């Protein structure tokens, strides 16, 4: 399994967390559009091999991480969802950065 597949699975998992978390609201349309739709669209883009999808997933994952930490700290009843959001956002950050890290640090150094 390569980094792109891990990224897609993490984005779909994050979308699932948001649907389970916010789907209980009386009218969850706004929450689902703001939270669940971006990971779904980015997962489709990453699955198609769009490099910008991985970049934007990494950028948005920083916001998802911050949101999860803030909710886990301030709202104990929602802590489980928030910690799942934190864990999956870290996977998204790592999976979106891995190809660049491999390109930068994975090759053999030229001999002097």
N, C-alpha and C. Protein backbone atom coordinates (compact mmCIF):
# COMPACT_ATOMS: atom_id res chain seq x y z
N UNK A 1 0.85 -1.17 0.00
CA UNK A 1 0.00 0.00 0.00
C UNK A 1 0.90 1.23 0.00
N UNK A 2 0.69 2.11 -0.96
CA UNK A 2 1.53 3.30 -1.04
C UNK A 2 0.90 4.48 -0.31
N UNK A 3 1.59 5.59 -0.28
CA UNK A 3 1.15 6.76 0.47
C UNK A 3 -0.16 7.33 -0.06
N UNK A 4 -0.37 7.23 -1.35
CA UNK A 4 -1.61 7.75 -1.93
C UNK A 4 -2.82 6.97 -1.42
N UNK A 5 -2.69 5.65 -1.33
CA UNK A 5 -3.80 4.84 -0.83
C UNK A 5 -4.05 5.11 0.66
N UNK A 6 -3.00 5.29 1.41
CA UNK A 6 -3.15 5.64 2.82
C UNK A 6 -3.84 6.99 2.96
N UNK A 7 -3.46 7.94 2.12
CA UNK A 7 -4.08 9.26 2.13
C UNK A 7 -5.57 9.16 1.82
N UNK A 8 -5.94 8.40 0.80
CA UNK A 8 -7.35 8.25 0.43
C UNK A 8 -8.13 7.61 1.57
N UNK A 9 -7.57 6.55 2.17
CA UNK A 9 -8.27 5.88 3.27
C UNK A 9 -8.42 6.80 4.48
N UNK A 10 -7.39 7.58 4.78
CA UNK A 10 -7.47 8.50 5.92
C UNK A 10 -8.50 9.60 5.66
N UNK A 11 -8.56 10.10 4.44
CA UNK A 11 -9.55 11.13 4.11
C UNK A 11 -10.97 10.57 4.18
N UNK A 12 -11.15 9.36 3.69
CA UNK A 12 -12.48 8.76 3.77
C UNK A 12 -12.85 8.45 5.22
N UNK A 13 -11.87 8.03 6.02
CA UNK A 13 -12.12 7.82 7.44
C UNK A 13 -12.49 9.11 8.15
N UNK A 14 -11.80 10.18 7.79
CA UNK A 14 -12.10 11.48 8.38
C UNK A 14 -13.51 11.93 7.99
N UNK A 15 -13.88 11.69 6.75
CA UNK A 15 -15.23 12.01 6.33
C UNK A 15 -16.25 11.20 7.12
N UNK A 16 -15.95 9.92 7.35
CA UNK A 16 -16.84 9.08 8.14
C UNK A 16 -16.99 9.56 9.58
N UNK A 17 -15.89 10.02 10.16
CA UNK A 17 -15.95 10.58 11.52
C UNK A 17 -16.86 11.81 11.53
N UNK A 18 -16.72 12.67 10.54
CA UNK A 18 -17.55 13.87 10.50
C UNK A 18 -19.02 13.53 10.28
N UNK A 19 -19.31 12.56 9.45
CA UNK A 19 -20.71 12.17 9.22
C UNK A 19 -21.30 11.60 10.51
N UNK A 20 -20.54 10.76 11.21
CA UNK A 20 -21.04 10.19 12.47
C UNK A 20 -21.18 11.27 13.54
N UNK A 21 -20.26 12.22 13.54
CA UNK A 21 -20.23 13.26 14.56
C UNK A 21 -21.35 14.28 14.36
N UNK A 22 -21.45 14.81 13.15
CA UNK A 22 -22.39 15.89 12.88
C UNK A 22 -23.71 15.43 12.27
N UNK A 23 -23.80 14.17 11.89
CA UNK A 23 -25.03 13.66 11.30
C UNK A 23 -26.18 13.61 12.28
N UNK A 24 -25.88 13.69 13.56
CA UNK A 24 -26.92 13.63 14.60
C UNK A 24 -27.63 14.97 14.79
N UNK A 25 -27.12 16.02 14.19
CA UNK A 25 -27.72 17.35 14.33
C UNK A 25 -29.10 17.35 13.67
N UNK A 26 -30.01 18.22 14.14
CA UNK A 26 -31.35 18.28 13.52
C UNK A 26 -31.29 18.62 12.02
N UNK A 27 -30.46 19.59 11.66
CA UNK A 27 -30.27 19.95 10.25
C UNK A 27 -28.77 20.00 10.01
N UNK A 28 -28.16 18.87 9.62
CA UNK A 28 -26.70 18.82 9.54
C UNK A 28 -26.10 19.29 8.23
N UNK A 29 -26.87 19.97 7.40
CA UNK A 29 -26.39 20.32 6.06
C UNK A 29 -25.14 21.18 6.11
N UNK A 30 -25.17 22.25 6.90
CA UNK A 30 -24.01 23.16 6.94
C UNK A 30 -22.79 22.45 7.49
N UNK A 31 -22.95 21.66 8.55
CA UNK A 31 -21.81 20.97 9.14
C UNK A 31 -21.22 19.97 8.16
N UNK A 32 -22.08 19.24 7.47
CA UNK A 32 -21.58 18.24 6.53
C UNK A 32 -20.92 18.90 5.32
N UNK A 33 -21.45 20.03 4.87
CA UNK A 33 -20.81 20.72 3.74
C UNK A 33 -19.44 21.27 4.13
N UNK A 34 -19.32 21.78 5.34
CA UNK A 34 -18.06 22.39 5.77
C UNK A 34 -17.04 21.34 6.17
N UNK A 35 -17.48 20.27 6.85
CA UNK A 35 -16.53 19.30 7.38
C UNK A 35 -16.40 18.04 6.53
N UNK A 36 -17.49 17.44 6.09
CA UNK A 36 -17.42 16.14 5.42
C UNK A 36 -17.14 16.22 3.92
N UNK A 37 -17.58 17.27 3.27
CA UNK A 37 -17.40 17.36 1.82
C UNK A 37 -15.93 17.56 1.40
N UNK A 38 -15.16 18.44 2.04
CA UNK A 38 -13.77 18.60 1.60
C UNK A 38 -12.93 17.32 1.64
N UNK A 39 -12.98 16.50 2.71
CA UNK A 39 -12.20 15.27 2.66
C UNK A 39 -12.66 14.31 1.56
N UNK A 40 -13.97 14.30 1.29
CA UNK A 40 -14.48 13.43 0.22
C UNK A 40 -13.94 13.88 -1.14
N UNK A 41 -14.02 15.18 -1.42
CA UNK A 41 -13.52 15.69 -2.70
C UNK A 41 -12.01 15.49 -2.83
N UNK A 42 -11.28 15.71 -1.74
CA UNK A 42 -9.83 15.50 -1.77
C UNK A 42 -9.48 14.03 -1.95
N UNK A 43 -10.29 13.13 -1.38
CA UNK A 43 -10.04 11.70 -1.57
C UNK A 43 -10.22 11.31 -3.03
N UNK A 44 -11.26 11.84 -3.68
CA UNK A 44 -11.45 11.57 -5.10
C UNK A 44 -10.29 12.13 -5.92
N UNK A 45 -9.85 13.33 -5.58
CA UNK A 45 -8.72 13.92 -6.31
C UNK A 45 -7.44 13.13 -6.11
N UNK A 46 -7.19 12.71 -4.88
CA UNK A 46 -5.98 11.92 -4.61
C UNK A 46 -6.05 10.56 -5.29
N UNK A 47 -7.24 9.98 -5.34
CA UNK A 47 -7.40 8.70 -6.01
C UNK A 47 -7.13 8.81 -7.50
N UNK A 48 -7.44 9.96 -8.08
CA UNK A 48 -7.17 10.19 -9.50
C UNK A 48 -5.73 10.59 -9.77
N UNK A 49 -4.94 10.80 -8.70
CA UNK A 49 -3.53 11.12 -8.87
C UNK A 49 -3.24 12.61 -8.98
N UNK A 50 -4.17 13.46 -8.60
CA UNK A 50 -3.93 14.90 -8.66
C UNK A 50 -2.98 15.30 -7.53
N UNK A 51 -1.85 15.89 -7.88
CA UNK A 51 -0.87 16.27 -6.85
C UNK A 51 -1.38 17.40 -5.97
N UNK A 52 -2.19 18.27 -6.52
CA UNK A 52 -2.71 19.37 -5.71
C UNK A 52 -3.67 18.87 -4.64
N UNK A 53 -4.31 17.73 -4.87
CA UNK A 53 -5.21 17.18 -3.85
C UNK A 53 -4.42 16.79 -2.61
N UNK A 54 -3.27 16.18 -2.79
CA UNK A 54 -2.45 15.81 -1.64
C UNK A 54 -1.94 17.05 -0.91
N UNK A 55 -1.56 18.06 -1.66
CA UNK A 55 -1.10 19.30 -1.04
C UNK A 55 -2.20 19.94 -0.19
N UNK A 56 -3.39 20.10 -0.78
CA UNK A 56 -4.48 20.74 -0.06
C UNK A 56 -4.98 19.88 1.09
N UNK A 57 -4.90 18.57 0.95
CA UNK A 57 -5.26 17.70 2.07
C UNK A 57 -4.32 17.94 3.24
N UNK A 58 -3.03 18.09 2.96
CA UNK A 58 -2.06 18.38 4.02
C UNK A 58 -2.30 19.73 4.66
N UNK A 59 -2.65 20.72 3.86
CA UNK A 59 -2.91 22.06 4.40
C UNK A 59 -4.17 22.04 5.27
N UNK A 60 -5.25 21.44 4.76
CA UNK A 60 -6.48 21.39 5.54
C UNK A 60 -6.35 20.51 6.77
N UNK A 61 -5.50 19.51 6.70
CA UNK A 61 -5.31 18.63 7.86
C UNK A 61 -4.72 19.39 9.04
N UNK A 62 -3.97 20.44 8.78
CA UNK A 62 -3.47 21.27 9.88
C UNK A 62 -4.64 21.94 10.60
N UNK A 63 -5.63 22.39 9.86
CA UNK A 63 -6.82 22.99 10.48
C UNK A 63 -7.65 21.93 11.20
N UNK A 64 -7.78 20.74 10.58
CA UNK A 64 -8.53 19.66 11.23
C UNK A 64 -7.85 19.24 12.53
N UNK A 65 -6.54 19.19 12.53
CA UNK A 65 -5.79 18.85 13.74
C UNK A 65 -6.07 19.88 14.84
N UNK A 66 -5.99 21.15 14.49
CA UNK A 66 -6.24 22.22 15.46
C UNK A 66 -7.67 22.16 15.99
N UNK A 67 -8.62 21.92 15.11
CA UNK A 67 -10.01 21.81 15.52
C UNK A 67 -10.18 20.63 16.49
N UNK A 68 -9.59 19.51 16.18
CA UNK A 68 -9.71 18.34 17.04
C UNK A 68 -9.11 18.55 18.41
N UNK A 69 -7.95 19.19 18.47
CA UNK A 69 -7.32 19.47 19.76
C UNK A 69 -8.19 20.42 20.57
N UNK A 70 -8.72 21.45 19.93
CA UNK A 70 -9.55 22.43 20.62
C UNK A 70 -10.82 21.78 21.18
N UNK A 71 -11.47 20.94 20.38
CA UNK A 71 -12.70 20.29 20.83
C UNK A 71 -12.40 19.27 21.92
N UNK A 72 -11.33 18.51 21.76
CA UNK A 72 -10.98 17.51 22.78
C UNK A 72 -10.69 18.18 24.12
N UNK A 73 -10.13 19.34 24.09
CA UNK A 73 -9.79 20.05 25.31
C UNK A 73 -11.02 20.69 25.95
N UNK A 74 -11.93 21.23 25.13
CA UNK A 74 -13.00 22.06 25.68
C UNK A 74 -14.35 21.36 25.80
N UNK A 75 -14.57 20.25 25.09
CA UNK A 75 -15.89 19.59 25.13
C UNK A 75 -15.71 18.10 25.40
N UNK A 76 -15.65 17.70 26.67
CA UNK A 76 -15.43 16.29 27.01
C UNK A 76 -16.42 15.30 26.39
N UNK A 77 -17.71 15.62 26.22
CA UNK A 77 -18.60 14.62 25.61
C UNK A 77 -18.24 14.29 24.15
N UNK A 78 -17.56 15.19 23.49
CA UNK A 78 -17.20 14.97 22.08
C UNK A 78 -15.73 14.57 21.93
N UNK A 79 -15.08 14.24 23.00
CA UNK A 79 -13.64 13.97 22.98
C UNK A 79 -13.27 12.79 22.08
N UNK A 80 -14.08 11.76 22.04
CA UNK A 80 -13.78 10.60 21.18
C UNK A 80 -13.72 10.97 19.71
N UNK A 81 -14.72 11.70 19.25
CA UNK A 81 -14.72 12.15 17.85
C UNK A 81 -13.53 13.07 17.58
N UNK A 82 -13.25 13.95 18.54
CA UNK A 82 -12.16 14.91 18.35
C UNK A 82 -10.81 14.20 18.28
N UNK A 83 -10.59 13.21 19.12
CA UNK A 83 -9.32 12.49 19.08
C UNK A 83 -9.18 11.64 17.82
N UNK A 84 -10.30 11.12 17.32
CA UNK A 84 -10.26 10.42 16.02
C UNK A 84 -9.91 11.40 14.91
N UNK A 85 -10.44 12.62 15.00
CA UNK A 85 -10.11 13.65 14.02
C UNK A 85 -8.63 13.99 14.08
N UNK A 86 -8.09 14.10 15.28
CA UNK A 86 -6.66 14.41 15.45
C UNK A 86 -5.81 13.29 14.85
N UNK A 87 -6.12 12.05 15.18
CA UNK A 87 -5.33 10.92 14.68
C UNK A 87 -5.38 10.84 13.16
N UNK A 88 -6.56 10.97 12.59
CA UNK A 88 -6.67 10.89 11.13
C UNK A 88 -6.03 12.09 10.44
N UNK A 89 -6.09 13.26 11.04
CA UNK A 89 -5.44 14.41 10.43
C UNK A 89 -3.92 14.23 10.44
N UNK A 90 -3.38 13.61 11.48
CA UNK A 90 -1.94 13.33 11.49
C UNK A 90 -1.56 12.33 10.39
N UNK A 91 -2.42 11.34 10.17
CA UNK A 91 -2.17 10.38 9.08
C UNK A 91 -2.22 11.10 7.74
N UNK A 92 -3.17 12.01 7.56
CA UNK A 92 -3.28 12.77 6.32
C UNK A 92 -2.02 13.61 6.11
N UNK A 93 -1.56 14.28 7.16
CA UNK A 93 -0.36 15.11 7.04
C UNK A 93 0.85 14.25 6.64
N UNK A 94 1.01 13.13 7.31
CA UNK A 94 2.15 12.26 7.01
C UNK A 94 2.05 11.68 5.60
N UNK A 95 0.86 11.17 5.24
CA UNK A 95 0.70 10.54 3.92
C UNK A 95 0.83 11.54 2.79
N UNK A 96 0.39 12.77 3.00
CA UNK A 96 0.52 13.77 1.94
C UNK A 96 1.95 14.28 1.81
N UNK A 97 2.71 14.20 2.89
CA UNK A 97 4.10 14.68 2.87
C UNK A 97 5.11 13.60 2.48
N UNK A 98 4.73 12.34 2.58
CA UNK A 98 5.68 11.25 2.38
C UNK A 98 6.34 11.23 1.00
N UNK A 99 5.61 11.44 -0.10
CA UNK A 99 6.30 11.44 -1.40
C UNK A 99 7.38 12.52 -1.49
N UNK A 100 7.11 13.70 -0.97
CA UNK A 100 8.11 14.76 -0.99
C UNK A 100 9.29 14.45 -0.08
N UNK A 101 9.02 13.87 1.06
CA UNK A 101 10.11 13.48 1.97
C UNK A 101 10.97 12.40 1.36
N UNK A 102 10.34 11.44 0.68
CA UNK A 102 11.12 10.39 0.01
C UNK A 102 11.97 10.96 -1.11
N UNK A 103 11.41 11.91 -1.86
CA UNK A 103 12.17 12.51 -2.95
C UNK A 103 13.35 13.31 -2.42
N UNK A 104 13.14 13.96 -1.30
CA UNK A 104 14.20 14.81 -0.75
C UNK A 104 15.27 14.02 -0.01
N UNK A 105 14.85 13.05 0.79
CA UNK A 105 15.79 12.36 1.65
C UNK A 105 16.00 10.89 1.32
N UNK A 106 15.27 10.35 0.38
CA UNK A 106 15.32 8.91 0.12
C UNK A 106 16.41 8.48 -0.85
N UNK A 107 16.88 9.39 -1.68
CA UNK A 107 17.85 8.99 -2.69
C UNK A 107 19.26 8.88 -2.12
N UNK A 108 20.10 8.22 -2.89
CA UNK A 108 21.50 8.12 -2.49
C UNK A 108 22.21 9.43 -2.73
N UNK A 109 23.06 9.77 -1.82
CA UNK A 109 23.85 11.00 -1.96
C UNK A 109 24.99 10.75 -2.95
N UNK A 110 25.28 11.73 -3.80
CA UNK A 110 26.42 11.56 -4.71
C UNK A 110 27.74 11.58 -3.91
N UNK A 111 28.64 10.74 -4.37
CA UNK A 111 29.95 10.67 -3.69
C UNK A 111 30.79 11.86 -4.12
N UNK A 112 31.50 12.40 -3.16
CA UNK A 112 32.33 13.57 -3.42
C UNK A 112 33.68 13.17 -3.97
